[in-house]
N, C-alpha and C. Protein backbone atom coordinates (compact mmCIF):
# COMPACT_ATOMS: atom_id res chain seq x y z
N MET A 1 -11.90 -14.37 4.24
CA MET A 1 -12.16 -15.10 5.46
C MET A 1 -11.31 -16.37 5.45
N THR A 2 -10.70 -16.67 6.56
CA THR A 2 -9.82 -17.83 6.61
C THR A 2 -10.57 -19.06 7.12
N ASP A 3 -10.04 -20.22 6.73
CA ASP A 3 -10.64 -21.48 7.18
C ASP A 3 -9.95 -21.95 8.46
N ALA A 4 -10.28 -23.15 8.90
CA ALA A 4 -9.75 -23.68 10.15
C ALA A 4 -8.23 -23.86 10.13
N ARG A 5 -7.66 -23.96 8.93
CA ARG A 5 -6.21 -24.12 8.81
C ARG A 5 -5.47 -22.80 8.76
N GLY A 6 -6.22 -21.69 8.77
CA GLY A 6 -5.60 -20.38 8.68
C GLY A 6 -5.31 -19.95 7.26
N SER A 7 -5.92 -20.61 6.29
CA SER A 7 -5.74 -20.26 4.89
C SER A 7 -6.91 -19.41 4.42
N GLU A 8 -6.64 -18.53 3.48
CA GLU A 8 -7.68 -17.70 2.90
C GLU A 8 -8.39 -18.52 1.82
N VAL A 9 -9.68 -18.77 2.00
CA VAL A 9 -10.45 -19.50 1.00
C VAL A 9 -10.71 -18.56 -0.15
N VAL A 10 -10.29 -18.97 -1.36
CA VAL A 10 -10.34 -18.09 -2.52
C VAL A 10 -11.41 -18.51 -3.51
N ASP A 11 -11.51 -19.80 -3.80
CA ASP A 11 -12.42 -20.24 -4.85
C ASP A 11 -12.58 -21.76 -4.79
N VAL A 12 -13.41 -22.26 -5.68
CA VAL A 12 -13.56 -23.69 -5.87
C VAL A 12 -13.55 -23.94 -7.37
N VAL A 13 -12.79 -24.95 -7.79
CA VAL A 13 -12.76 -25.33 -9.20
C VAL A 13 -13.48 -26.67 -9.33
N GLU A 14 -14.23 -26.81 -10.40
CA GLU A 14 -15.00 -28.03 -10.62
C GLU A 14 -14.48 -28.76 -11.85
N GLU A 15 -14.52 -30.08 -11.78
CA GLU A 15 -14.16 -30.93 -12.92
C GLU A 15 -15.08 -32.14 -12.93
N ILE A 16 -15.16 -32.77 -14.10
CA ILE A 16 -16.02 -33.94 -14.24
C ILE A 16 -15.20 -35.12 -14.76
N PRO A 17 -14.64 -35.94 -13.84
CA PRO A 17 -14.04 -37.20 -14.25
C PRO A 17 -15.03 -38.33 -14.00
N ARG A 18 -14.99 -39.34 -14.80
CA ARG A 18 -15.85 -40.52 -14.60
C ARG A 18 -17.34 -40.17 -14.53
N GLY A 19 -17.74 -39.04 -15.10
CA GLY A 19 -19.15 -38.68 -15.14
C GLY A 19 -19.72 -38.07 -13.88
N SER A 20 -18.90 -37.86 -12.84
CA SER A 20 -19.41 -37.24 -11.62
C SER A 20 -18.63 -35.96 -11.33
N LEU A 21 -19.29 -35.01 -10.69
CA LEU A 21 -18.70 -33.70 -10.43
C LEU A 21 -17.79 -33.74 -9.21
N ASN A 22 -16.55 -33.29 -9.37
CA ASN A 22 -15.62 -33.11 -8.27
C ASN A 22 -15.44 -31.62 -8.04
N LYS A 23 -15.30 -31.24 -6.77
CA LYS A 23 -15.06 -29.84 -6.44
C LYS A 23 -13.81 -29.75 -5.58
N TYR A 24 -12.90 -28.86 -5.96
CA TYR A 24 -11.65 -28.67 -5.24
C TYR A 24 -11.58 -27.25 -4.73
N GLU A 25 -11.46 -27.11 -3.43
CA GLU A 25 -11.31 -25.79 -2.81
C GLU A 25 -9.90 -25.29 -3.09
N TYR A 26 -9.78 -24.01 -3.40
CA TYR A 26 -8.47 -23.41 -3.61
C TYR A 26 -8.23 -22.37 -2.52
N ASP A 27 -7.17 -22.57 -1.75
CA ASP A 27 -6.83 -21.68 -0.65
C ASP A 27 -5.52 -20.96 -0.94
N ALA A 28 -5.37 -19.80 -0.32
CA ALA A 28 -4.10 -19.08 -0.34
C ALA A 28 -3.57 -19.09 1.09
N ALA A 29 -2.38 -19.62 1.27
CA ALA A 29 -1.81 -19.73 2.61
C ALA A 29 -1.63 -18.35 3.23
N ALA A 30 -2.28 -18.13 4.35
CA ALA A 30 -2.24 -16.82 5.00
C ALA A 30 -0.83 -16.46 5.45
N SER A 31 -0.01 -17.45 5.75
CA SER A 31 1.35 -17.19 6.22
C SER A 31 2.35 -16.98 5.08
N ASP A 32 1.94 -17.20 3.84
CA ASP A 32 2.84 -17.06 2.69
C ASP A 32 2.78 -15.62 2.17
N PRO A 33 3.91 -14.90 2.19
CA PRO A 33 3.90 -13.51 1.75
C PRO A 33 3.49 -13.32 0.28
N HIS A 34 3.60 -14.38 -0.52
CA HIS A 34 3.17 -14.28 -1.92
C HIS A 34 1.65 -14.15 -2.04
N PHE A 35 0.93 -14.52 -0.99
CA PHE A 35 -0.52 -14.54 -1.05
C PHE A 35 -1.20 -13.54 -0.10
N THR A 36 -0.44 -12.60 0.46
CA THR A 36 -1.03 -11.70 1.45
C THR A 36 -2.15 -10.84 0.87
N GLU A 37 -2.11 -10.55 -0.41
CA GLU A 37 -3.14 -9.70 -1.03
C GLU A 37 -4.26 -10.52 -1.68
N VAL A 38 -4.17 -11.84 -1.65
CA VAL A 38 -5.16 -12.68 -2.31
C VAL A 38 -6.35 -12.91 -1.38
N LYS A 39 -7.50 -12.39 -1.80
CA LYS A 39 -8.73 -12.55 -1.04
C LYS A 39 -9.85 -13.16 -1.89
N ASP A 40 -9.65 -13.15 -3.20
CA ASP A 40 -10.67 -13.64 -4.13
C ASP A 40 -9.97 -14.09 -5.41
N ILE A 41 -10.70 -14.80 -6.23
CA ILE A 41 -10.14 -15.35 -7.46
C ILE A 41 -9.58 -14.28 -8.40
N VAL A 42 -10.15 -13.09 -8.37
CA VAL A 42 -9.67 -12.01 -9.24
C VAL A 42 -8.28 -11.54 -8.85
N ASP A 43 -7.82 -11.90 -7.66
CA ASP A 43 -6.48 -11.52 -7.20
C ASP A 43 -5.41 -12.49 -7.67
N ILE A 44 -5.79 -13.52 -8.40
CA ILE A 44 -4.84 -14.53 -8.88
C ILE A 44 -4.66 -14.37 -10.38
N ALA A 45 -3.41 -14.40 -10.80
CA ALA A 45 -3.10 -14.24 -12.23
C ALA A 45 -3.76 -15.34 -13.06
N PRO A 46 -4.31 -14.98 -14.22
CA PRO A 46 -4.97 -15.98 -15.07
C PRO A 46 -4.09 -17.18 -15.42
N HIS A 47 -2.78 -16.95 -15.63
CA HIS A 47 -1.90 -18.08 -15.96
C HIS A 47 -1.80 -19.06 -14.80
N ARG A 48 -1.88 -18.57 -13.56
CA ARG A 48 -1.84 -19.46 -12.39
C ARG A 48 -3.08 -20.35 -12.36
N LEU A 49 -4.23 -19.78 -12.71
CA LEU A 49 -5.47 -20.56 -12.75
C LEU A 49 -5.38 -21.65 -13.81
N ARG A 50 -4.81 -21.31 -14.96
CA ARG A 50 -4.64 -22.31 -16.03
C ARG A 50 -3.67 -23.41 -15.58
N GLU A 51 -2.63 -23.05 -14.82
CA GLU A 51 -1.71 -24.06 -14.30
C GLU A 51 -2.44 -25.05 -13.40
N ILE A 52 -3.32 -24.55 -12.56
CA ILE A 52 -4.07 -25.41 -11.65
C ILE A 52 -5.01 -26.31 -12.45
N GLU A 53 -5.71 -25.74 -13.42
CA GLU A 53 -6.62 -26.53 -14.26
C GLU A 53 -5.85 -27.62 -14.99
N THR A 54 -4.67 -27.28 -15.52
CA THR A 54 -3.83 -28.25 -16.24
C THR A 54 -3.36 -29.35 -15.30
N PHE A 55 -2.98 -28.99 -14.08
CA PHE A 55 -2.57 -29.99 -13.09
C PHE A 55 -3.70 -30.98 -12.83
N LEU A 56 -4.92 -30.47 -12.58
CA LEU A 56 -6.05 -31.35 -12.30
C LEU A 56 -6.33 -32.29 -13.47
N ALA A 57 -6.32 -31.75 -14.68
CA ALA A 57 -6.59 -32.57 -15.87
C ALA A 57 -5.49 -33.61 -16.07
N THR A 58 -4.23 -33.21 -15.90
CA THR A 58 -3.11 -34.13 -16.08
C THR A 58 -3.14 -35.25 -15.04
N TYR A 59 -3.48 -34.92 -13.81
CA TYR A 59 -3.58 -35.91 -12.75
C TYR A 59 -4.58 -37.00 -13.13
N GLU A 60 -5.73 -36.61 -13.64
CA GLU A 60 -6.75 -37.59 -14.04
C GLU A 60 -6.28 -38.40 -15.25
N ILE A 61 -5.65 -37.76 -16.22
CA ILE A 61 -5.15 -38.46 -17.40
C ILE A 61 -4.14 -39.54 -16.99
N LEU A 62 -3.26 -39.22 -16.05
CA LEU A 62 -2.27 -40.19 -15.58
C LEU A 62 -2.92 -41.38 -14.89
N GLN A 63 -4.15 -41.20 -14.42
CA GLN A 63 -4.90 -42.29 -13.80
C GLN A 63 -5.78 -43.01 -14.82
N GLY A 64 -5.65 -42.61 -16.09
CA GLY A 64 -6.41 -43.26 -17.15
C GLY A 64 -7.85 -42.79 -17.23
N VAL A 65 -8.13 -41.59 -16.74
CA VAL A 65 -9.49 -41.07 -16.72
C VAL A 65 -9.54 -39.78 -17.53
N GLU A 66 -10.47 -39.71 -18.46
CA GLU A 66 -10.68 -38.45 -19.16
C GLU A 66 -11.51 -37.53 -18.27
N THR A 67 -11.18 -36.26 -18.29
CA THR A 67 -11.90 -35.31 -17.45
C THR A 67 -12.14 -34.01 -18.19
N GLN A 68 -13.03 -33.24 -17.67
CA GLN A 68 -13.32 -31.91 -18.21
C GLN A 68 -13.31 -30.94 -17.03
N VAL A 69 -12.43 -29.94 -17.07
CA VAL A 69 -12.44 -28.92 -16.04
C VAL A 69 -13.56 -27.96 -16.39
N VAL A 70 -14.52 -27.83 -15.48
CA VAL A 70 -15.71 -27.02 -15.73
C VAL A 70 -15.41 -25.54 -15.50
N GLY A 71 -14.67 -25.24 -14.46
CA GLY A 71 -14.30 -23.85 -14.22
C GLY A 71 -14.35 -23.47 -12.76
N TRP A 72 -14.10 -22.21 -12.53
CA TRP A 72 -14.03 -21.63 -11.20
C TRP A 72 -15.40 -21.07 -10.84
N ARG A 73 -15.80 -21.22 -9.59
CA ARG A 73 -17.15 -20.85 -9.18
C ARG A 73 -17.24 -19.69 -8.19
N GLY A 74 -16.14 -19.26 -7.62
CA GLY A 74 -16.15 -18.11 -6.73
C GLY A 74 -16.04 -18.49 -5.26
N VAL A 75 -15.69 -17.49 -4.46
CA VAL A 75 -15.43 -17.71 -3.04
C VAL A 75 -16.70 -18.15 -2.30
N GLU A 76 -17.85 -17.63 -2.65
CA GLU A 76 -19.08 -18.05 -1.97
C GLU A 76 -19.39 -19.51 -2.25
N ALA A 77 -19.15 -19.95 -3.48
CA ALA A 77 -19.34 -21.37 -3.81
C ALA A 77 -18.35 -22.22 -3.03
N ALA A 78 -17.13 -21.73 -2.86
CA ALA A 78 -16.13 -22.48 -2.09
C ALA A 78 -16.58 -22.66 -0.65
N TRP A 79 -17.10 -21.60 -0.05
CA TRP A 79 -17.60 -21.71 1.32
C TRP A 79 -18.82 -22.62 1.38
N GLY A 80 -19.63 -22.64 0.32
CA GLY A 80 -20.75 -23.57 0.27
C GLY A 80 -20.28 -25.02 0.29
N VAL A 81 -19.21 -25.32 -0.44
CA VAL A 81 -18.63 -26.66 -0.44
C VAL A 81 -18.10 -27.01 0.95
N ILE A 82 -17.42 -26.07 1.58
CA ILE A 82 -16.88 -26.30 2.93
C ILE A 82 -18.01 -26.58 3.91
N ARG A 83 -19.06 -25.76 3.89
CA ARG A 83 -20.19 -25.98 4.80
C ARG A 83 -20.85 -27.33 4.55
N SER A 84 -21.01 -27.69 3.29
CA SER A 84 -21.61 -28.97 2.94
C SER A 84 -20.77 -30.15 3.45
N CYS A 85 -19.46 -30.05 3.28
CA CYS A 85 -18.56 -31.11 3.76
C CYS A 85 -18.58 -31.21 5.28
N ARG A 86 -18.59 -30.06 5.94
CA ARG A 86 -18.64 -30.07 7.41
C ARG A 86 -19.93 -30.72 7.89
N GLN A 87 -21.05 -30.40 7.23
CA GLN A 87 -22.34 -30.96 7.61
C GLN A 87 -22.34 -32.47 7.39
N ALA A 88 -21.79 -32.92 6.26
CA ALA A 88 -21.71 -34.35 5.97
C ALA A 88 -20.84 -35.07 7.00
N ALA A 89 -19.72 -34.44 7.36
CA ALA A 89 -18.84 -35.05 8.37
C ALA A 89 -19.54 -35.12 9.71
N LYS A 90 -20.24 -34.07 10.07
CA LYS A 90 -20.96 -34.06 11.32
C LYS A 90 -22.03 -35.16 11.35
N GLY A 91 -22.75 -35.33 10.23
CA GLY A 91 -23.77 -36.36 10.13
C GLY A 91 -23.19 -37.76 10.22
N SER A 92 -22.00 -37.98 9.62
CA SER A 92 -21.40 -39.31 9.67
C SER A 92 -20.88 -39.63 11.07
N LYS A 93 -20.43 -38.62 11.80
CA LYS A 93 -20.00 -38.84 13.19
C LYS A 93 -21.18 -39.18 14.07
N GLU A 94 -22.30 -38.53 13.84
CA GLU A 94 -23.50 -38.78 14.63
C GLU A 94 -24.06 -40.18 14.35
N ALA A 95 -23.83 -40.68 13.14
CA ALA A 95 -24.34 -41.99 12.76
C ALA A 95 -23.54 -43.13 13.40
N MET A 96 -22.34 -42.81 13.87
CA MET A 96 -21.46 -43.84 14.45
C MET A 96 -21.91 -44.23 15.80
């Protein structure tokens, strides 16, 4: 299922920098021919997932923050994060 940007939502990866949980949605660009068959995390090569985890950890290290990548949670968890963010955004607009 694609999101509002036309990307295929694949998964969400979680990490813990500064003691709080961060969640990053991982999408596959629907218009990119390299990702036409990607519909779920199992469609992505394990080395690619490690590259993403390494990028997230390195980004935090460069900011002087130790982090722990918790792991991938699945496409349903990713959509849960999206729904939660949309609800929070809707609530903040209503509060204005």
